[in-house]
């Protein structure tokens, strides 16, 4: 299957600023439900050793804009016995 280049822009309460993460995904990524797209991103940052366990997050909301192919999600990362709120926007890059 062909791959596409994606980016995720994350806003977290700890840093108070954005972080941008680049990753590749299957070219059918944006035909999947929003929560599955977030899971693909979480697997990527786990594989890059940014988070220690890809299942240590809670997704409170995820929505997809089909026309723009952008997913916006809100949730919590569980790191070192602390719940860190986050907002992420995932999109395809050129």
PDB file of N, CA and C in Angstrom:
ATOM      1  N   UNK A   1       0.841  -1.181   0.000  1.00  0.00           N
ATOM      2  CA  UNK A   1       0.000   0.000   0.000  1.00  0.00           C
ATOM      3  C   UNK A   1       0.885   1.243   0.000  1.00  0.00           C
ATOM      4  N   UNK A   2       0.459   2.237  -0.732  1.00  0.00           N
ATOM      5  CA  UNK A   2       1.208   3.494  -0.808  1.00  0.00           C
ATOM      6  C   UNK A   2       1.136   4.241   0.523  1.00  0.00           C
ATOM      7  N   UNK A   3       2.113   5.102   0.740  1.00  0.00           N
ATOM      8  CA  UNK A   3       2.191   5.881   1.978  1.00  0.00           C
ATOM      9  C   UNK A   3       1.965   7.361   1.687  1.00  0.00           C
ATOM     10  N   UNK A   4       1.477   8.066   2.705  1.00  0.00           N
ATOM     11  CA  UNK A   4       1.359   9.520   2.650  1.00  0.00           C
ATOM     12  C   UNK A   4       2.137  10.104   3.825  1.00  0.00           C
ATOM     13  N   UNK A   5       2.537  11.349   3.687  1.00  0.00           N
ATOM     14  CA  UNK A   5       3.224  12.062   4.759  1.00  0.00           C
ATOM     15  C   UNK A   5       2.181  12.845   5.552  1.00  0.00           C
ATOM     16  N   UNK A   6       2.282  12.746   6.868  1.00  0.00           N
ATOM     17  CA  UNK A   6       1.318  13.411   7.748  1.00  0.00           C
ATOM     18  C   UNK A   6       2.061  14.215   8.799  1.00  0.00           C
ATOM     19  N   UNK A   7       1.308  15.133   9.390  1.00  0.00           N
ATOM     20  CA  UNK A   7       1.837  15.873  10.529  1.00  0.00           C
ATOM     21  C   UNK A   7       0.773  15.941  11.602  1.00  0.00           C
ATOM     22  N   UNK A   8       1.239  15.984  12.821  1.00  0.00           N
ATOM     23  CA  UNK A   8       0.358  16.172  13.967  1.00  0.00           C
ATOM     24  C   UNK A   8       0.896  17.355  14.751  1.00  0.00           C
ATOM     25  N   UNK A   9       0.042  18.313  14.996  1.00  0.00           N
ATOM     26  CA  UNK A   9       0.400  19.475  15.800  1.00  0.00           C
ATOM     27  C   UNK A   9      -0.264  19.291  17.153  1.00  0.00           C
ATOM     28  N   UNK A  10       0.555  19.234  18.196  1.00  0.00           N
ATOM     29  CA  UNK A  10       0.072  18.926  19.538  1.00  0.00           C
ATOM     30  C   UNK A  10       0.249  20.138  20.433  1.00  0.00           C
ATOM     31  N   UNK A  11      -0.800  20.458  21.166  1.00  0.00           N
ATOM     32  CA  UNK A  11      -0.744  21.503  22.188  1.00  0.00           C
ATOM     33  C   UNK A  11      -0.932  20.824  23.524  1.00  0.00           C
ATOM     34  N   UNK A  12       0.042  20.977  24.401  1.00  0.00           N
ATOM     35  CA  UNK A  12      -0.020  20.382  25.731  1.00  0.00           C
ATOM     36  C   UNK A  12       0.058  21.432  26.807  1.00  0.00           C
ATOM     37  N   UNK A  13      -0.515  21.134  27.951  1.00  0.00           N
ATOM     38  CA  UNK A  13      -0.547  22.125  29.030  1.00  0.00           C
ATOM     39  C   UNK A  13       0.794  22.308  29.712  1.00  0.00           C
ATOM     40  N   UNK A  14       1.660  21.333  29.646  1.00  0.00           N
ATOM     41  CA  UNK A  14       2.947  21.441  30.333  1.00  0.00           C
ATOM     42  C   UNK A  14       3.863  22.441  29.643  1.00  0.00           C
ATOM     43  N   UNK A  15       4.021  22.276  28.327  1.00  0.00           N
ATOM     44  CA  UNK A  15       4.947  23.147  27.612  1.00  0.00           C
ATOM     45  C   UNK A  15       4.324  24.498  27.290  1.00  0.00           C
ATOM     46  N   UNK A  16       3.000  24.510  27.145  1.00  0.00           N
ATOM     47  CA  UNK A  16       2.336  25.744  26.777  1.00  0.00           C
ATOM     48  C   UNK A  16       2.573  26.135  25.331  1.00  0.00           C
ATOM     49  N   UNK A  17       3.151  25.227  24.546  1.00  0.00           N
ATOM     50  CA  UNK A  17       3.421  25.540  23.152  1.00  0.00           C
ATOM     51  C   UNK A  17       3.128  24.326  22.278  1.00  0.00           C
ATOM     52  N   UNK A  18       3.189  24.553  20.993  1.00  0.00           N
ATOM     53  CA  UNK A  18       2.913  23.486  20.039  1.00  0.00           C
ATOM     54  C   UNK A  18       4.147  22.630  19.809  1.00  0.00           C
ATOM     55  N   UNK A  19       3.895  21.361  19.510  1.00  0.00           N
ATOM     56  CA  UNK A  19       4.934  20.457  19.039  1.00  0.00           C
ATOM     57  C   UNK A  19       4.437  19.865  17.736  1.00  0.00           C
ATOM     58  N   UNK A  20       5.288  19.768  16.744  1.00  0.00           N
ATOM     59  CA  UNK A  20       4.910  19.199  15.452  1.00  0.00           C
ATOM     60  C   UNK A  20       5.641  17.886  15.260  1.00  0.00           C
ATOM     61  N   UNK A  21       4.887  16.856  14.901  1.00  0.00           N
ATOM     62  CA  UNK A  21       5.424  15.518  14.700  1.00  0.00           C
ATOM     63  C   UNK A  21       5.090  15.074  13.290  1.00  0.00           C
ATOM     64  N   UNK A  22       6.085  14.601  12.565  1.00  0.00           N
ATOM     65  CA  UNK A  22       5.902  14.111  11.204  1.00  0.00           C
ATOM     66  C   UNK A  22       5.914  12.592  11.216  1.00  0.00           C
ATOM     67  N   UNK A  23       5.038  11.984  10.397  1.00  0.00           N
ATOM     68  CA  UNK A  23       4.998  10.530  10.299  1.00  0.00           C
ATOM     69  C   UNK A  23       4.380  10.122   8.965  1.00  0.00           C
ATOM     70  N   UNK A  24       4.620   8.884   8.591  1.00  0.00           N
ATOM     71  CA  UNK A  24       4.049   8.317   7.377  1.00  0.00           C
ATOM     72  C   UNK A  24       2.944   7.350   7.758  1.00  0.00           C
ATOM     73  N   UNK A  25       1.930   7.276   6.897  1.00  0.00           N
ATOM     74  CA  UNK A  25       0.796   6.385   7.137  1.00  0.00           C
ATOM     75  C   UNK A  25       0.298   5.846   5.798  1.00  0.00           C
ATOM     76  N   UNK A  26      -0.509   4.798   5.866  1.00  0.00           N
ATOM     77  CA  UNK A  26      -1.112   4.254   4.655  1.00  0.00           C
ATOM     78  C   UNK A  26      -1.971   5.315   3.991  1.00  0.00           C
ATOM     79  N   UNK A  27      -2.047   5.272   2.659  1.00  0.00           N
ATOM     80  CA  UNK A  27      -2.742   6.328   1.921  1.00  0.00           C
ATOM     81  C   UNK A  27      -4.258   6.344   2.124  1.00  0.00           C
ATOM     82  N   UNK A  28      -4.812   5.348   2.812  1.00  0.00           N
ATOM     83  CA  UNK A  28      -6.252   5.356   3.113  1.00  0.00           C
ATOM     84  C   UNK A  28      -6.544   5.896   4.518  1.00  0.00           C
ATOM     85  N   UNK A  29      -5.556   6.503   5.157  1.00  0.00           N
ATOM     86  CA  UNK A  29      -5.687   6.934   6.546  1.00  0.00           C
ATOM     87  C   UNK A  29      -6.939   7.786   6.781  1.00  0.00           C
ATOM     88  N   UNK A  30      -7.183   8.760   5.915  1.00  0.00           N
ATOM     89  CA  UNK A  30      -8.273   9.695   6.174  1.00  0.00           C
ATOM     90  C   UNK A  30      -9.639   9.169   5.739  1.00  0.00           C
ATOM     91  N   UNK A  31      -9.698   7.908   5.328  1.00  0.00           N
ATOM     92  CA  UNK A  31     -10.987   7.259   5.133  1.00  0.00           C
ATOM     93  C   UNK A  31     -11.412   6.494   6.391  1.00  0.00           C
ATOM     94  N   UNK A  32     -10.531   6.409   7.361  1.00  0.00           N
ATOM     95  CA  UNK A  32     -10.826   5.727   8.616  1.00  0.00           C
ATOM     96  C   UNK A  32     -11.558   6.655   9.578  1.00  0.00           C
ATOM     97  N   UNK A  33     -12.204   6.086  10.612  1.00  0.00           N
ATOM     98  CA  UNK A  33     -12.827   6.928  11.646  1.00  0.00           C
ATOM     99  C   UNK A  33     -11.770   7.760  12.384  1.00  0.00           C
ATOM    100  N   UNK A  34     -12.193   8.886  12.923  1.00  0.00           N
ATOM    101  CA  UNK A  34     -11.284   9.825  13.582  1.00  0.00           C
ATOM    102  C   UNK A  34     -10.481   9.178  14.697  1.00  0.00           C
ATOM    103  N   UNK A  35     -11.112   8.336  15.530  1.00  0.00           N
ATOM    104  CA  UNK A  35     -10.375   7.737  16.641  1.00  0.00           C
ATOM    105  C   UNK A  35      -9.290   6.779  16.159  1.00  0.00           C
ATOM    106  N   UNK A  36      -9.496   6.118  15.020  1.00  0.00           N
ATOM    107  CA  UNK A  36      -8.462   5.234  14.468  1.00  0.00           C
ATOM    108  C   UNK A  36      -7.288   6.030  13.917  1.00  0.00           C
ATOM    109  N   UNK A  37      -7.556   7.208  13.390  1.00  0.00           N
ATOM    110  CA  UNK A  37      -6.480   8.074  12.900  1.00  0.00           C
ATOM    111  C   UNK A  37      -5.611   8.534  14.070  1.00  0.00           C
ATOM    112  N   UNK A  38      -6.241   8.877  15.182  1.00  0.00           N
ATOM    113  CA  UNK A  38      -5.492   9.252  16.388  1.00  0.00           C
ATOM    114  C   UNK A  38      -4.647   8.070  16.863  1.00  0.00           C
ATOM    115  N   UNK A  39      -5.192   6.864  16.813  1.00  0.00           N
ATOM    116  CA  UNK A  39      -4.451   5.668  17.224  1.00  0.00           C
ATOM    117  C   UNK A  39      -3.210   5.464  16.355  1.00  0.00           C
ATOM    118  N   UNK A  40      -3.318   5.713  15.051  1.00  0.00           N
ATOM    119  CA  UNK A  40      -2.151   5.606  14.165  1.00  0.00           C
ATOM    120  C   UNK A  40      -1.071   6.583  14.614  1.00  0.00           C
ATOM    121  N   UNK A  41      -1.457   7.814  14.930  1.00  0.00           N
ATOM    122  CA  UNK A  41      -0.491   8.798  15.420  1.00  0.00           C
ATOM    123  C   UNK A  41       0.131   8.357  16.739  1.00  0.00           C
ATOM    124  N   UNK A  42      -0.680   7.876  17.668  1.00  0.00           N
ATOM    125  CA  UNK A  42      -0.151   7.432  18.965  1.00  0.00           C
ATOM    126  C   UNK A  42       0.833   6.284  18.804  1.00  0.00           C
ATOM    127  N   UNK A  43       0.549   5.369  17.880  1.00  0.00           N
ATOM    128  CA  UNK A  43       1.502   4.282  17.608  1.00  0.00           C
ATOM    129  C   UNK A  43       2.825   4.843  17.095  1.00  0.00           C
ATOM    130  N   UNK A  44       2.735   5.869  16.248  1.00  0.00           N
ATOM    131  CA  UNK A  44       3.950   6.467  15.690  1.00  0.00           C
ATOM    132  C   UNK A  44       4.814   7.104  16.771  1.00  0.00           C
ATOM    133  N   UNK A  45       4.198   7.875  17.684  1.00  0.00           N
ATOM    134  CA  UNK A  45       5.033   8.517  18.706  1.00  0.00           C
ATOM    135  C   UNK A  45       5.526   7.500  19.734  1.00  0.00           C
ATOM    136  N   UNK A  46       4.816   6.402  19.890  1.00  0.00           N
ATOM    137  CA  UNK A  46       5.331   5.316  20.731  1.00  0.00           C
ATOM    138  C   UNK A  46       6.541   4.680  20.054  1.00  0.00           C
ATOM    139  N   UNK A  47       6.430   4.391  18.757  1.00  0.00           N
ATOM    140  CA  UNK A  47       7.538   3.778  18.021  1.00  0.00           C
ATOM    141  C   UNK A  47       8.773   4.675  17.992  1.00  0.00           C
ATOM    142  N   UNK A  48       8.559   5.992  18.043  1.00  0.00           N
ATOM    143  CA  UNK A  48       9.676   6.950  18.076  1.00  0.00           C
ATOM    144  C   UNK A  48      10.169   7.189  19.504  1.00  0.00           C
ATOM    145  N   UNK A  49       9.611   6.446  20.463  1.00  0.00           N
ATOM    146  CA  UNK A  49       9.970   6.493  21.874  1.00  0.00           C
ATOM    147  C   UNK A  49       9.711   7.861  22.507  1.00  0.00           C
ATOM    148  N   UNK A  50       8.689   8.557  22.012  1.00  0.00           N
ATOM    149  CA  UNK A  50       8.280   9.825  22.611  1.00  0.00           C
ATOM    150  C   UNK A  50       7.390   9.559  23.812  1.00  0.00           C
ATOM    151  N   UNK A  51       6.554   8.523  23.703  1.00  0.00           N
ATOM    152  CA  UNK A  51       5.785   8.043  24.858  1.00  0.00           C
ATOM    153  C   UNK A  51       6.144   6.584  25.079  1.00  0.00           C
ATOM    154  N   UNK A  52       6.092   6.143  26.322  1.00  0.00           N
ATOM    155  CA  UNK A  52       6.564   4.797  26.642  1.00  0.00           C
ATOM    156  C   UNK A  52       5.545   3.709  26.331  1.00  0.00           C
ATOM    157  N   UNK A  53       4.272   4.024  26.379  1.00  0.00           N
ATOM    158  CA  UNK A  53       3.257   3.005  26.142  1.00  0.00           C
ATOM    159  C   UNK A  53       2.159   3.606  25.290  1.00  0.00           C
ATOM    160  N   UNK A  54       1.926   3.051  24.116  1.00  0.00           N
ATOM    161  CA  UNK A  54       0.969   3.645  23.190  1.00  0.00           C
ATOM    162  C   UNK A  54      -0.462   3.592  23.705  1.00  0.00           C
ATOM    163  N   UNK A  55      -0.740   2.777  24.710  1.00  0.00           N
ATOM    164  CA  UNK A  55      -2.086   2.669  25.249  1.00  0.00           C
ATOM    165  C   UNK A  55      -2.317   3.574  26.450  1.00  0.00           C
ATOM    166  N   UNK A  56      -1.346   4.375  26.812  1.00  0.00           N
ATOM    167  CA  UNK A  56      -1.491   5.244  27.973  1.00  0.00           C
ATOM    168  C   UNK A  56      -2.017   6.614  27.589  1.00  0.00           C
ATOM    169  N   UNK A  57      -3.159   6.592  26.917  1.00  0.00           N
ATOM    170  CA  UNK A  57      -3.830   7.852  26.636  1.00  0.00           C
ATOM    171  C   UNK A  57      -5.330   7.620  26.690  1.00  0.00           C
ATOM    172  N   UNK A  58      -6.048   8.701  26.912  1.00  0.00           N
ATOM    173  CA  UNK A  58      -7.504   8.673  26.947  1.00  0.00           C
ATOM    174  C   UNK A  58      -7.984   9.685  25.919  1.00  0.00           C
ATOM    175  N   UNK A  59      -8.847   9.240  25.043  1.00  0.00           N
ATOM    176  CA  UNK A  59      -9.392  10.107  24.017  1.00  0.00           C
ATOM    177  C   UNK A  59     -10.777  10.568  24.456  1.00  0.00           C
ATOM    178  N   UNK A  60     -10.941  11.865  24.662  1.00  0.00           N
ATOM    179  CA  UNK A  60     -12.229  12.407  25.090  1.00  0.00           C
ATOM    180  C   UNK A  60     -13.114  12.786  23.908  1.00  0.00           C
ATOM    181  N   UNK A  61     -12.487  13.218  22.828  1.00  0.00           N
ATOM    182  CA  UNK A  61     -13.246  13.643  21.654  1.00  0.00           C
ATOM    183  C   UNK A  61     -12.326  13.593  20.436  1.00  0.00           C
ATOM    184  N   UNK A  62     -12.890  13.169  19.308  1.00  0.00           N
ATOM    185  CA  UNK A  62     -12.147  13.190  18.047  1.00  0.00           C
ATOM    186  C   UNK A  62     -13.146  13.447  16.933  1.00  0.00           C
ATOM    187  N   UNK A  63     -12.834  14.419  16.091  1.00  0.00           N
ATOM    188  CA  UNK A  63     -13.712  14.715  14.971  1.00  0.00           C
ATOM    189  C   UNK A  63     -12.888  14.932  13.718  1.00  0.00           C
ATOM    190  N   UNK A  64     -13.517  14.604  12.591  1.00  0.00           N
ATOM    191  CA  UNK A  64     -12.813  14.685  11.315  1.00  0.00           C
ATOM    192  C   UNK A  64     -13.546  15.637  10.389  1.00  0.00           C
ATOM    193  N   UNK A  65     -12.796  16.531   9.777  1.00  0.00           N
ATOM    194  CA  UNK A  65     -13.313  17.363   8.711  1.00  0.00           C
ATOM    195  C   UNK A  65     -12.978  16.640   7.414  1.00  0.00           C
ATOM    196  N   UNK A  66     -13.966  16.020   6.784  1.00  0.00           N
ATOM    197  CA  UNK A  66     -13.729  15.204   5.586  1.00  0.00           C
ATOM    198  C   UNK A  66     -13.231  16.031   4.411  1.00  0.00           C
ATOM    199  N   UNK A  67     -13.746  17.254   4.260  1.00  0.00           N
ATOM    200  CA  UNK A  67     -13.337  18.092   3.130  1.00  0.00           C
ATOM    201  C   UNK A  67     -11.869  18.490   3.220  1.00  0.00           C
ATOM    202  N   UNK A  68     -11.418  18.826   4.412  1.00  0.00           N
ATOM    203  CA  UNK A  68     -10.033  19.278   4.613  1.00  0.00           C
ATOM    204  C   UNK A  68      -9.105  18.132   4.997  1.00  0.00           C
ATOM    205  N   UNK A  69      -9.657  16.972   5.297  1.00  0.00           N
ATOM    206  CA  UNK A  69      -8.892  15.819   5.782  1.00  0.00           C
ATOM    207  C   UNK A  69      -8.011  16.199   6.971  1.00  0.00           C
ATOM    208  N   UNK A  70      -8.686  16.722   7.999  1.00  0.00           N
ATOM    209  CA  UNK A  70      -8.034  17.098   9.246  1.00  0.00           C
ATOM    210  C   UNK A  70      -8.801  16.459  10.391  1.00  0.00           C
ATOM    211  N   UNK A  71      -8.061  15.868  11.320  1.00  0.00           N
ATOM    212  CA  UNK A  71      -8.660  15.312  12.530  1.00  0.00           C
ATOM    213  C   UNK A  71      -8.221  16.167  13.707  1.00  0.00           C
ATOM    214  N   UNK A  72      -9.176  16.538  14.539  1.00  0.00           N
ATOM    215  CA  UNK A  72      -8.905  17.269  15.772  1.00  0.00           C
ATOM    216  C   UNK A  72      -9.334  16.386  16.936  1.00  0.00           C
ATOM    217  N   UNK A  73      -8.448  16.229  17.911  1.00  0.00           N
ATOM    218  CA  UNK A  73      -8.754  15.357  19.049  1.00  0.00           C
ATOM    219  C   UNK A  73      -8.331  16.023  20.353  1.00  0.00           C
ATOM    220  N   UNK A  74      -9.039  15.656  21.426  1.00  0.00           N
ATOM    221  CA  UNK A  74      -8.772  16.153  22.767  1.00  0.00           C
ATOM    222  C   UNK A  74      -8.711  14.946  23.695  1.00  0.00           C
ATOM    223  N   UNK A  75      -7.742  14.941  24.602  1.00  0.00           N
ATOM    224  CA  UNK A  75      -7.653  13.830  25.532  1.00  0.00           C
ATOM    225  C   UNK A  75      -6.609  14.059  26.597  1.00  0.00           C
ATOM    226  N   UNK A  76      -6.169  12.962  27.205  1.00  0.00           N
ATOM    227  CA  UNK A  76      -5.146  12.985  28.251  1.00  0.00           C
ATOM    228  C   UNK A  76      -4.091  11.940  27.957  1.00  0.00           C
ATOM    229  N   UNK A  77      -2.837  12.320  28.138  1.00  0.00           N
ATOM    230  CA  UNK A  77      -1.726  11.366  28.131  1.00  0.00           C
ATOM    231  C   UNK A  77      -1.419  11.023  29.576  1.00  0.00           C
ATOM    232  N   UNK A  78      -1.199   9.756  29.848  1.00  0.00           N
ATOM    233  CA  UNK A  78      -0.871   9.326  31.205  1.00  0.00           C
ATOM    234  C   UNK A  78       0.615   9.010  31.270  1.00  0.00           C
ATOM    235  N   UNK A  79       1.368   9.926  31.860  1.00  0.00           N
ATOM    236  CA  UNK A  79       2.814   9.808  31.967  1.00  0.00           C
ATOM    237  C   UNK A  79       3.215   9.954  33.428  1.00  0.00           C
ATOM    238  N   UNK A  80       3.959   8.981  33.942  1.00  0.00           N
ATOM    239  CA  UNK A  80       4.481   9.047  35.308  1.00  0.00           C
ATOM    240  C   UNK A  80       3.393   9.379  36.328  1.00  0.00           C
ATOM    241  N   UNK A  81       2.296   8.670  36.272  1.00  0.00           N
ATOM    242  CA  UNK A  81       1.184   8.828  37.211  1.00  0.00           C
ATOM    243  C   UNK A  81       0.538  10.205  37.170  1.00  0.00           C
ATOM    244  N   UNK A  82       0.616  10.868  36.021  1.00  0.00           N
ATOM    245  CA  UNK A  82       0.022  12.186  35.863  1.00  0.00           C
ATOM    246  C   UNK A  82      -0.764  12.212  34.562  1.00  0.00           C
ATOM    247  N   UNK A  83      -1.949  12.786  34.589  1.00  0.00           N
ATOM    248  CA  UNK A  83      -2.762  12.944  33.381  1.00  0.00           C
ATOM    249  C   UNK A  83      -2.477  14.317  32.788  1.00  0.00           C
ATOM    250  N   UNK A  84      -1.928  14.331  31.579  1.00  0.00           N
ATOM    251  CA  UNK A  84      -1.582  15.578  30.915  1.00  0.00           C
ATOM    252  C   UNK A  84      -2.564  15.820  29.769  1.00  0.00           C
ATOM    253  N   UNK A  85      -3.380  16.873  29.846  1.00  0.00           N
ATOM    254  CA  UNK A  85      -4.315  17.143  28.764  1.00  0.00           C
ATOM    255  C   UNK A  85      -3.581  17.540  27.485  1.00  0.00           C
ATOM    256  N   UNK A  86      -4.168  17.154  26.352  1.00  0.00           N
ATOM    257  CA  UNK A  86      -3.593  17.531  25.061  1.00  0.00           C
ATOM    258  C   UNK A  86      -4.690  17.782  24.040  1.00  0.00           C
ATOM    259  N   UNK A  87      -4.334  18.561  23.023  1.00  0.00           N
ATOM    260  CA  UNK A  87      -5.150  18.762  21.835  1.00  0.00           C
ATOM    261  C   UNK A  87      -4.229  18.459  20.663  1.00  0.00           C
ATOM    262  N   UNK A  88      -4.721  17.722  19.661  1.00  0.00           N
ATOM    263  CA  UNK A  88      -3.901  17.390  18.505  1.00  0.00           C
ATOM    264  C   UNK A  88      -4.712  17.615  17.229  1.00  0.00           C
ATOM    265  N   UNK A  89      -4.036  18.142  16.208  1.00  0.00           N
ATOM    266  CA  UNK A  89      -4.617  18.250  14.868  1.00  0.00           C
ATOM    267  C   UNK A  89      -3.718  17.453  13.931  1.00  0.00           C
ATOM    268  N   UNK A  90      -4.322  16.504  13.237  1.00  0.00           N
ATOM    269  CA  UNK A  90      -3.590  15.607  12.338  1.00  0.00           C
ATOM    270  C   UNK A  90      -4.039  15.877  10.912  1.00  0.00           C
ATOM    271  N   UNK A  91      -3.063  16.036  10.005  1.00  0.00           N
ATOM    272  CA  UNK A  91      -3.388  16.308   8.607  1.00  0.00           C
ATOM    273  C   UNK A  91      -2.307  15.717   7.705  1.00  0.00           C
ATOM    274  N   UNK A  92      -2.628  15.672   6.431  1.00  0.00           N
ATOM    275  CA  UNK A  92      -1.659  15.216   5.436  1.00  0.00           C
ATOM    276  C   UNK A  92      -0.794  16.396   5.024  1.00  0.00           C
ATOM    277  N   UNK A  93       0.503  16.157   4.830  1.00  0.00           N
ATOM    278  CA  UNK A  93       1.397  17.193   4.338  1.00  0.00           C
ATOM    279  C   UNK A  93       1.617  16.957   2.848  1.00  0.00           C
ATOM    280  N   UNK A  94       2.114  17.936   2.188  1.00  0.00           N
ATOM    281  CA  UNK A  94       2.381  17.806   0.738  1.00  0.00           C
ATOM    282  C   UNK A  94       3.701  17.148   0.500  1.00  0.00           C
TER     283      UNK A  94
END
